[in-house]
Amino acid sequence: MNIYDISRPSFWTCDGCDRSIRDGEYRHNCTICEDFDYCEQCANTISPPHPHPMREELAYGRIPKSSITAVDMATGIEKAFDMYCNR
């Protein structure tokens, strides 16, 4: 089971266009400002650019509870790899 789902919202919104950055999309966050993020489009088009360095990361959202139930350690490790494959 792969939980990488671009239709699911993540924890971040773009500070340039104020839209929700989706799970699995790249977000560009400032390494100096607290909680400042751009979506891919704003990071490439906003003028003037943000004055501090921006770091590209994959955005992620909540993990569905149904995918967390593990029977044994091997299954749990396998599920962890599936859950966090995009991080």
PDB file of N, CA and C in Angstrom:
ATOM      1  N   MET A   1       0.842  -1.187   0.000  1.00  0.00           N
ATOM      2  CA  MET A   1       0.000   0.000   0.000  1.00  0.00           C
ATOM      3  C   MET A   1       0.881   1.243   0.000  1.00  0.00           C
ATOM      4  N   ASN A   2       0.639   2.140  -0.915  1.00  0.00           N
ATOM      5  CA  ASN A   2       1.393   3.378  -1.003  1.00  0.00           C
ATOM      6  C   ASN A   2       0.467   4.530  -0.648  1.00  0.00           C
ATOM      7  N   ILE A   3       0.828   5.327   0.368  1.00  0.00           N
ATOM      8  CA  ILE A   3      -0.056   6.410   0.803  1.00  0.00           C
ATOM      9  C   ILE A   3       0.280   7.740   0.153  1.00  0.00           C
ATOM     10  N   TYR A   4       1.248   7.769  -0.766  1.00  0.00           N
ATOM     11  CA  TYR A   4       1.582   8.977  -1.503  1.00  0.00           C
ATOM     12  C   TYR A   4       0.360   9.392  -2.301  1.00  0.00           C
ATOM     13  N   ASP A   5      -0.271  10.493  -1.942  1.00  0.00           N
ATOM     14  CA  ASP A   5      -1.551  10.869  -2.539  1.00  0.00           C
ATOM     15  C   ASP A   5      -1.608  12.375  -2.722  1.00  0.00           C
ATOM     16  N   ILE A   6      -1.381  12.842  -3.950  1.00  0.00           N
ATOM     17  CA  ILE A   6      -1.330  14.285  -4.220  1.00  0.00           C
ATOM     18  C   ILE A   6      -2.690  14.957  -4.048  1.00  0.00           C
ATOM     19  N   SER A   7      -3.767  14.172  -3.938  1.00  0.00           N
ATOM     20  CA  SER A   7      -5.081  14.781  -3.748  1.00  0.00           C
ATOM     21  C   SER A   7      -5.328  15.140  -2.282  1.00  0.00           C
ATOM     22  N   ARG A   8      -4.498  14.634  -1.377  1.00  0.00           N
ATOM     23  CA  ARG A   8      -4.665  14.888   0.057  1.00  0.00           C
ATOM     24  C   ARG A   8      -3.910  16.161   0.449  1.00  0.00           C
ATOM     25  N   PRO A   9      -4.513  17.033   1.256  1.00  0.00           N
ATOM     26  CA  PRO A   9      -3.817  18.259   1.661  1.00  0.00           C
ATOM     27  C   PRO A   9      -2.670  17.955   2.621  1.00  0.00           C
ATOM     28  N   SER A  10      -1.697  18.840   2.637  1.00  0.00           N
ATOM     29  CA  SER A  10      -0.587  18.708   3.580  1.00  0.00           C
ATOM     30  C   SER A  10      -0.797  19.695   4.725  1.00  0.00           C
ATOM     31  N   PHE A  11       0.230  19.890   5.529  1.00  0.00           N
ATOM     32  CA  PHE A  11       0.142  20.805   6.667  1.00  0.00           C
ATOM     33  C   PHE A  11       0.458  22.254   6.287  1.00  0.00           C
ATOM     34  N   TRP A  12       0.837  22.534   5.028  1.00  0.00           N
ATOM     35  CA  TRP A  12       1.329  23.855   4.659  1.00  0.00           C
ATOM     36  C   TRP A  12       0.462  24.541   3.622  1.00  0.00           C
ATOM     37  N   THR A  13       0.490  25.884   3.669  1.00  0.00           N
ATOM     38  CA  THR A  13      -0.129  26.706   2.632  1.00  0.00           C
ATOM     39  C   THR A  13       0.951  27.621   2.065  1.00  0.00           C
ATOM     40  N   CYS A  14       0.775  28.001   0.812  1.00  0.00           N
ATOM     41  CA  CYS A  14       1.733  28.885   0.147  1.00  0.00           C
ATOM     42  C   CYS A  14       1.515  30.311   0.634  1.00  0.00           C
ATOM     43  N   ASP A  15       2.595  30.971   1.025  1.00  0.00           N
ATOM     44  CA  ASP A  15       2.492  32.358   1.466  1.00  0.00           C
ATOM     45  C   ASP A  15       2.438  33.329   0.294  1.00  0.00           C
ATOM     46  N   GLY A  16       2.661  32.839  -0.919  1.00  0.00           N
ATOM     47  CA  GLY A  16       2.574  33.693  -2.101  1.00  0.00           C
ATOM     48  C   GLY A  16       1.168  33.759  -2.662  1.00  0.00           C
ATOM     49  N   CYS A  17       0.535  32.592  -2.858  1.00  0.00           N
ATOM     50  CA  CYS A  17      -0.800  32.556  -3.484  1.00  0.00           C
ATOM     51  C   CYS A  17      -1.880  32.055  -2.519  1.00  0.00           C
ATOM     52  N   ASP A  18      -1.511  31.695  -1.305  1.00  0.00           N
ATOM     53  CA  ASP A  18      -2.441  31.291  -0.241  1.00  0.00           C
ATOM     54  C   ASP A  18      -3.226  30.017  -0.554  1.00  0.00           C
ATOM     55  N   ARG A  19      -2.684  29.143  -1.397  1.00  0.00           N
ATOM     56  CA  ARG A  19      -3.358  27.873  -1.649  1.00  0.00           C
ATOM     57  C   ARG A  19      -2.706  26.776  -0.811  1.00  0.00           C
ATOM     58  N   SER A  20      -3.443  25.726  -0.574  1.00  0.00           N
ATOM     59  CA  SER A  20      -2.928  24.599   0.191  1.00  0.00           C
ATOM     60  C   SER A  20      -1.935  23.816  -0.665  1.00  0.00           C
ATOM     61  N   ILE A  21      -0.770  23.541  -0.123  1.00  0.00           N
ATOM     62  CA  ILE A  21       0.216  22.717  -0.815  1.00  0.00           C
ATOM     63  C   ILE A  21      -0.172  21.267  -0.561  1.00  0.00           C
ATOM     64  N   ARG A  22      -0.287  20.468  -1.612  1.00  0.00           N
ATOM     65  CA  ARG A  22      -0.789  19.097  -1.518  1.00  0.00           C
ATOM     66  C   ARG A  22       0.300  18.136  -1.049  1.00  0.00           C
ATOM     67  N   ASP A  23      -0.124  17.025  -0.467  1.00  0.00           N
ATOM     68  CA  ASP A  23       0.780  15.962  -0.033  1.00  0.00           C
ATOM     69  C   ASP A  23       1.551  15.439  -1.241  1.00  0.00           C
ATOM     70  N   GLY A  24       2.873  15.433  -1.160  1.00  0.00           N
ATOM     71  CA  GLY A  24       3.705  14.949  -2.260  1.00  0.00           C
ATOM     72  C   GLY A  24       4.192  16.034  -3.204  1.00  0.00           C
ATOM     73  N   GLU A  25       3.658  17.249  -3.108  1.00  0.00           N
ATOM     74  CA  GLU A  25       4.139  18.372  -3.910  1.00  0.00           C
ATOM     75  C   GLU A  25       5.388  18.942  -3.250  1.00  0.00           C
ATOM     76  N   TYR A  26       6.212  19.602  -4.058  1.00  0.00           N
ATOM     77  CA  TYR A  26       7.355  20.291  -3.463  1.00  0.00           C
ATOM     78  C   TYR A  26       6.895  21.601  -2.850  1.00  0.00           C
ATOM     79  N   ARG A  27       7.433  21.895  -1.684  1.00  0.00           N
ATOM     80  CA  ARG A  27       7.233  23.201  -1.065  1.00  0.00           C
ATOM     81  C   ARG A  27       8.616  23.795  -0.869  1.00  0.00           C
ATOM     82  N   HIS A  28       8.701  25.099  -0.914  1.00  0.00           N
ATOM     83  CA  HIS A  28       9.966  25.801  -0.721  1.00  0.00           C
ATOM     84  C   HIS A  28       9.831  26.590   0.568  1.00  0.00           C
ATOM     85  N   ASN A  29      10.570  26.199   1.599  1.00  0.00           N
ATOM     86  CA  ASN A  29      10.433  26.907   2.866  1.00  0.00           C
ATOM     87  C   ASN A  29      11.696  27.694   3.183  1.00  0.00           C
ATOM     88  N   CYS A  30      11.489  28.837   3.835  1.00  0.00           N
ATOM     89  CA  CYS A  30      12.577  29.733   4.202  1.00  0.00           C
ATOM     90  C   CYS A  30      13.368  29.126   5.348  1.00  0.00           C
ATOM     91  N   THR A  31      14.692  29.210   5.250  1.00  0.00           N
ATOM     92  CA  THR A  31      15.542  28.650   6.305  1.00  0.00           C
ATOM     93  C   THR A  31      15.702  29.604   7.481  1.00  0.00           C
ATOM     94  N   ILE A  32      15.213  30.836   7.341  1.00  0.00           N
ATOM     95  CA  ILE A  32      15.364  31.824   8.411  1.00  0.00           C
ATOM     96  C   ILE A  32      14.015  32.224   9.017  1.00  0.00           C
ATOM     97  N   CYS A  33      13.035  32.528   8.168  1.00  0.00           N
ATOM     98  CA  CYS A  33      11.712  32.940   8.658  1.00  0.00           C
ATOM     99  C   CYS A  33      10.958  31.739   9.224  1.00  0.00           C
ATOM    100  N   GLU A  34      10.199  31.966  10.271  1.00  0.00           N
ATOM    101  CA  GLU A  34       9.393  30.895  10.845  1.00  0.00           C
ATOM    102  C   GLU A  34       8.111  30.726  10.045  1.00  0.00           C
ATOM    103  N   ASP A  35       7.835  29.522   9.604  1.00  0.00           N
ATOM    104  CA  ASP A  35       6.602  29.165   8.895  1.00  0.00           C
ATOM    105  C   ASP A  35       6.367  30.020   7.649  1.00  0.00           C
ATOM    106  N   PHE A  36       7.345  30.059   6.750  1.00  0.00           N
ATOM    107  CA  PHE A  36       7.200  30.771   5.476  1.00  0.00           C
ATOM    108  C   PHE A  36       7.461  29.778   4.358  1.00  0.00           C
ATOM    109  N   ASP A  37       6.440  29.513   3.523  1.00  0.00           N
ATOM    110  CA  ASP A  37       6.533  28.525   2.452  1.00  0.00           C
ATOM    111  C   ASP A  37       5.992  29.078   1.144  1.00  0.00           C
ATOM    112  N   TYR A  38       6.586  28.636   0.041  1.00  0.00           N
ATOM    113  CA  TYR A  38       6.077  28.906  -1.299  1.00  0.00           C
ATOM    114  C   TYR A  38       5.768  27.580  -1.971  1.00  0.00           C
ATOM    115  N   CYS A  39       4.751  27.579  -2.832  1.00  0.00           N
ATOM    116  CA  CYS A  39       4.520  26.417  -3.703  1.00  0.00           C
ATOM    117  C   CYS A  39       5.557  26.487  -4.830  1.00  0.00           C
ATOM    118  N   GLU A  40       5.625  25.460  -5.641  1.00  0.00           N
ATOM    119  CA  GLU A  40       6.602  25.393  -6.740  1.00  0.00           C
ATOM    120  C   GLU A  40       6.438  26.568  -7.705  1.00  0.00           C
ATOM    121  N   GLN A  41       5.190  26.890  -8.042  1.00  0.00           N
ATOM    122  CA  GLN A  41       4.931  27.963  -9.005  1.00  0.00           C
ATOM    123  C   GLN A  41       5.375  29.320  -8.454  1.00  0.00           C
ATOM    124  N   CYS A  42       5.012  29.632  -7.208  1.00  0.00           N
ATOM    125  CA  CYS A  42       5.386  30.922  -6.625  1.00  0.00           C
ATOM    126  C   CYS A  42       6.895  31.038  -6.435  1.00  0.00           C
ATOM    127  N   ALA A  43       7.551  29.945  -6.079  1.00  0.00           N
ATOM    128  CA  ALA A  43       9.007  29.962  -5.893  1.00  0.00           C
ATOM    129  C   ALA A  43       9.716  30.341  -7.187  1.00  0.00           C
ATOM    130  N   ASN A  44       9.119  29.982  -8.318  1.00  0.00           N
ATOM    131  CA  ASN A  44       9.744  30.258  -9.617  1.00  0.00           C
ATOM    132  C   ASN A  44       9.290  31.563 -10.255  1.00  0.00           C
ATOM    133  N   THR A  45       8.170  32.143  -9.797  1.00  0.00           N
ATOM    134  CA  THR A  45       7.622  33.307 -10.507  1.00  0.00           C
ATOM    135  C   THR A  45       7.534  34.586  -9.687  1.00  0.00           C
ATOM    136  N   ILE A  46       7.523  34.526  -8.365  1.00  0.00           N
ATOM    137  CA  ILE A  46       7.340  35.749  -7.570  1.00  0.00           C
ATOM    138  C   ILE A  46       8.547  36.666  -7.740  1.00  0.00           C
ATOM    139  N   SER A  47       8.226  37.942  -7.992  1.00  0.00           N
ATOM    140  CA  SER A  47       9.275  38.931  -8.175  1.00  0.00           C
ATOM    141  C   SER A  47       8.951  40.137  -7.294  1.00  0.00           C
ATOM    142  N   PRO A  48       9.841  40.624  -6.484  1.00  0.00           N
ATOM    143  CA  PRO A  48      11.186  40.102  -6.245  1.00  0.00           C
ATOM    144  C   PRO A  48      11.131  38.811  -5.431  1.00  0.00           C
ATOM    145  N   PRO A  49      12.152  37.970  -5.559  1.00  0.00           N
ATOM    146  CA  PRO A  49      12.163  36.712  -4.805  1.00  0.00           C
ATOM    147  C   PRO A  49      12.324  36.955  -3.307  1.00  0.00           C
ATOM    148  N   HIS A  50      12.010  35.943  -2.522  1.00  0.00           N
ATOM    149  CA  HIS A  50      12.169  36.039  -1.066  1.00  0.00           C
ATOM    150  C   HIS A  50      13.639  36.325  -0.744  1.00  0.00           C
ATOM    151  N   PRO A  51      13.924  37.225   0.222  1.00  0.00           N
ATOM    152  CA  PRO A  51      15.311  37.639   0.473  1.00  0.00           C
ATOM    153  C   PRO A  51      16.195  36.575   1.146  1.00  0.00           C
ATOM    154  N   HIS A  52      15.612  35.547   1.726  1.00  0.00           N
ATOM    155  CA  HIS A  52      16.402  34.522   2.410  1.00  0.00           C
ATOM    156  C   HIS A  52      16.479  33.242   1.577  1.00  0.00           C
ATOM    157  N   PRO A  53      17.427  32.362   1.910  1.00  0.00           N
ATOM    158  CA  PRO A  53      17.513  31.089   1.183  1.00  0.00           C
ATOM    159  C   PRO A  53      16.256  30.243   1.385  1.00  0.00           C
ATOM    160  N   MET A  54      15.809  29.609   0.309  1.00  0.00           N
ATOM    161  CA  MET A  54      14.641  28.727   0.360  1.00  0.00           C
ATOM    162  C   MET A  54      15.117  27.296   0.153  1.00  0.00           C
ATOM    163  N   ARG A  55      14.506  26.374   0.879  1.00  0.00           N
ATOM    164  CA  ARG A  55      14.875  24.966   0.799  1.00  0.00           C
ATOM    165  C   ARG A  55      13.705  24.170   0.227  1.00  0.00           C
ATOM    166  N   GLU A  56      13.973  23.353  -0.796  1.00  0.00           N
ATOM    167  CA  GLU A  56      12.929  22.555  -1.426  1.00  0.00           C
ATOM    168  C   GLU A  56      12.733  21.251  -0.651  1.00  0.00           C
ATOM    169  N   GLU A  57      11.487  20.979  -0.268  1.00  0.00           N
ATOM    170  CA  GLU A  57      11.146  19.760   0.470  1.00  0.00           C
ATOM    171  C   GLU A  57       9.816  19.230  -0.036  1.00  0.00           C
ATOM    172  N   LEU A  58       9.580  17.951   0.171  1.00  0.00           N
ATOM    173  CA  LEU A  58       8.269  17.390  -0.136  1.00  0.00           C
ATOM    174  C   LEU A  58       7.309  17.690   1.010  1.00  0.00           C
ATOM    175  N   ALA A  59       6.133  18.163   0.673  1.00  0.00           N
ATOM    176  CA  ALA A  59       5.105  18.407   1.684  1.00  0.00           C
ATOM    177  C   ALA A  59       4.426  17.081   2.011  1.00  0.00           C
ATOM    178  N   TYR A  60       3.963  16.938   3.229  1.00  0.00           N
ATOM    179  CA  TYR A  60       3.268  15.711   3.625  1.00  0.00           C
ATOM    180  C   TYR A  60       2.112  16.051   4.532  1.00  0.00           C
ATOM    181  N   GLY A  61       1.123  15.180   4.544  1.00  0.00           N
ATOM    182  CA  GLY A  61      -0.076  15.370   5.348  1.00  0.00           C
ATOM    183  C   GLY A  61      -0.244  14.249   6.352  1.00  0.00           C
ATOM    184  N   ARG A  62      -1.427  14.159   6.893  1.00  0.00           N
ATOM    185  CA  ARG A  62      -1.727  13.125   7.887  1.00  0.00           C
ATOM    186  C   ARG A  62      -1.727  11.741   7.259  1.00  0.00           C
ATOM    187  N   ILE A  63      -1.331  10.763   8.045  1.00  0.00           N
ATOM    188  CA  ILE A  63      -1.339   9.362   7.629  1.00  0.00           C
ATOM    189  C   ILE A  63      -2.707   8.782   7.981  1.00  0.00           C
ATOM    190  N   PRO A  64      -3.356   8.105   7.048  1.00  0.00           N
ATOM    191  CA  PRO A  64      -4.645   7.486   7.382  1.00  0.00           C
ATOM    192  C   PRO A  64      -4.479   6.432   8.482  1.00  0.00           C
ATOM    193  N   LYS A  65      -5.337   6.457   9.491  1.00  0.00           N
ATOM    194  CA  LYS A  65      -5.233   5.527  10.621  1.00  0.00           C
ATOM    195  C   LYS A  65      -5.338   4.074  10.189  1.00  0.00           C
ATOM    196  N   SER A  66      -6.102   3.782   9.144  1.00  0.00           N
ATOM    197  CA  SER A  66      -6.271   2.398   8.714  1.00  0.00           C
ATOM    198  C   SER A  66      -4.966   1.773   8.237  1.00  0.00           C
ATOM    199  N   SER A  67      -3.987   2.588   7.852  1.00  0.00           N
ATOM    200  CA  SER A  67      -2.730   2.043   7.355  1.00  0.00           C
ATOM    201  C   SER A  67      -1.691   1.872   8.462  1.00  0.00           C
ATOM    202  N   ILE A  68      -2.048   2.155   9.715  1.00  0.00           N
ATOM    203  CA  ILE A  68      -1.080   2.096  10.806  1.00  0.00           C
ATOM    204  C   ILE A  68      -1.102   0.761  11.558  1.00  0.00           C
ATOM    205  N   THR A  69      -2.121  -0.027  11.422  1.00  0.00           N
ATOM    206  CA  THR A  69      -2.208  -1.279  12.165  1.00  0.00           C
ATOM    207  C   THR A  69      -1.208  -2.292  11.620  1.00  0.00           C
ATOM    208  N   ALA A  70      -0.253  -2.702  12.456  1.00  0.00           N
ATOM    209  CA  ALA A  70       0.781  -3.658  12.059  1.00  0.00           C
ATOM    210  C   ALA A  70       0.648  -4.924  12.902  1.00  0.00           C
ATOM    211  N   VAL A  71       0.887  -6.087  12.288  1.00  0.00           N
ATOM    212  CA  VAL A  71       0.757  -7.363  12.983  1.00  0.00           C
ATOM    213  C   VAL A  71       2.054  -7.727  13.689  1.00  0.00           C
ATOM    214  N   ASP A  72       3.170  -7.602  13.016  1.00  0.00           N
ATOM    215  CA  ASP A  72       4.463  -7.932  13.619  1.00  0.00           C
ATOM    216  C   ASP A  72       5.489  -6.875  13.205  1.00  0.00           C
ATOM    217  N   MET A  73       6.694  -6.989  13.696  1.00  0.00           N
ATOM    218  CA  MET A  73       7.716  -5.980  13.443  1.00  0.00           C
ATOM    219  C   MET A  73       8.054  -5.871  11.951  1.00  0.00           C
ATOM    220  N   ALA A  74       8.173  -6.986  11.259  1.00  0.00           N
ATOM    221  CA  ALA A  74       8.503  -6.958   9.831  1.00  0.00           C
ATOM    222  C   ALA A  74       7.417  -6.233   9.040  1.00  0.00           C
ATOM    223  N   THR A  75       6.166  -6.489   9.369  1.00  0.00           N
ATOM    224  CA  THR A  75       5.055  -5.818   8.692  1.00  0.00           C
ATOM    225  C   THR A  75       5.072  -4.329   9.020  1.00  0.00           C
ATOM    226  N   GLY A  76       5.385  -4.009  10.269  1.00  0.00           N
ATOM    227  CA  GLY A  76       5.454  -2.604  10.677  1.00  0.00           C
ATOM    228  C   GLY A  76       6.535  -1.849   9.931  1.00  0.00           C
ATOM    229  N   ILE A  77       7.689  -2.465   9.757  1.00  0.00           N
ATOM    230  CA  ILE A  77       8.782  -1.824   9.026  1.00  0.00           C
ATOM    231  C   ILE A  77       8.397  -1.649   7.560  1.00  0.00           C
ATOM    232  N   GLU A  78       7.780  -2.650   6.990  1.00  0.00           N
ATOM    233  CA  GLU A  78       7.327  -2.576   5.611  1.00  0.00           C
ATOM    234  C   GLU A  78       6.320  -1.437   5.424  1.00  0.00           C
ATOM    235  N   LYS A  79       5.372  -1.323   6.351  1.00  0.00           N
ATOM    236  CA  LYS A  79       4.371  -0.253   6.269  1.00  0.00           C
ATOM    237  C   LYS A  79       5.021   1.117   6.429  1.00  0.00           C
ATOM    238  N   ALA A  80       6.038   1.216   7.305  1.00  0.00           N
ATOM    239  CA  ALA A  80       6.739   2.493   7.484  1.00  0.00           C
ATOM    240  C   ALA A  80       7.423   2.921   6.183  1.00  0.00           C
ATOM    241  N   PHE A  81       8.047   1.978   5.484  1.00  0.00           N
ATOM    242  CA  PHE A  81       8.657   2.308   4.198  1.00  0.00           C
ATOM    243  C   PHE A  81       7.613   2.789   3.205  1.00  0.00           C
ATOM    244  N   ASP A  82       6.460   2.161   3.179  1.00  0.00           N
ATOM    245  CA  ASP A  82       5.386   2.579   2.269  1.00  0.00           C
ATOM    246  C   ASP A  82       4.845   3.957   2.650  1.00  0.00           C
ATOM    247  N   MET A  83       4.659   4.192   3.948  1.00  0.00           N
ATOM    248  CA  MET A  83       4.089   5.452   4.412  1.00  0.00           C
ATOM    249  C   MET A  83       4.984   6.635   4.111  1.00  0.00           C
ATOM    250  N   TYR A  84       6.279   6.457   4.297  1.00  0.00           N
ATOM    251  CA  TYR A  84       7.207   7.583   4.198  1.00  0.00           C
ATOM    252  C   TYR A  84       8.063   7.521   2.939  1.00  0.00           C
ATOM    253  N   CYS A  85       7.587   6.870   1.888  1.00  0.00           N
ATOM    254  CA  CYS A  85       8.368   6.725   0.663  1.00  0.00           C
ATOM    255  C   CYS A  85       8.689   8.064   0.005  1.00  0.00           C
ATOM    256  N   ASN A  86       7.891   9.071   0.251  1.00  0.00           N
ATOM    257  CA  ASN A  86       8.130  10.373  -0.394  1.00  0.00           C
ATOM    258  C   ASN A  86       8.850  11.370   0.506  1.00  0.00           C
ATOM    259  N   ARG A  87       9.409  10.911   1.612  1.00  0.00           N
ATOM    260  CA  ARG A  87      10.084  11.831   2.529  1.00  0.00           C
ATOM    261  C   ARG A  87      11.560  11.563   2.601  1.00  0.00           C
TER     262      ARG A  87
END
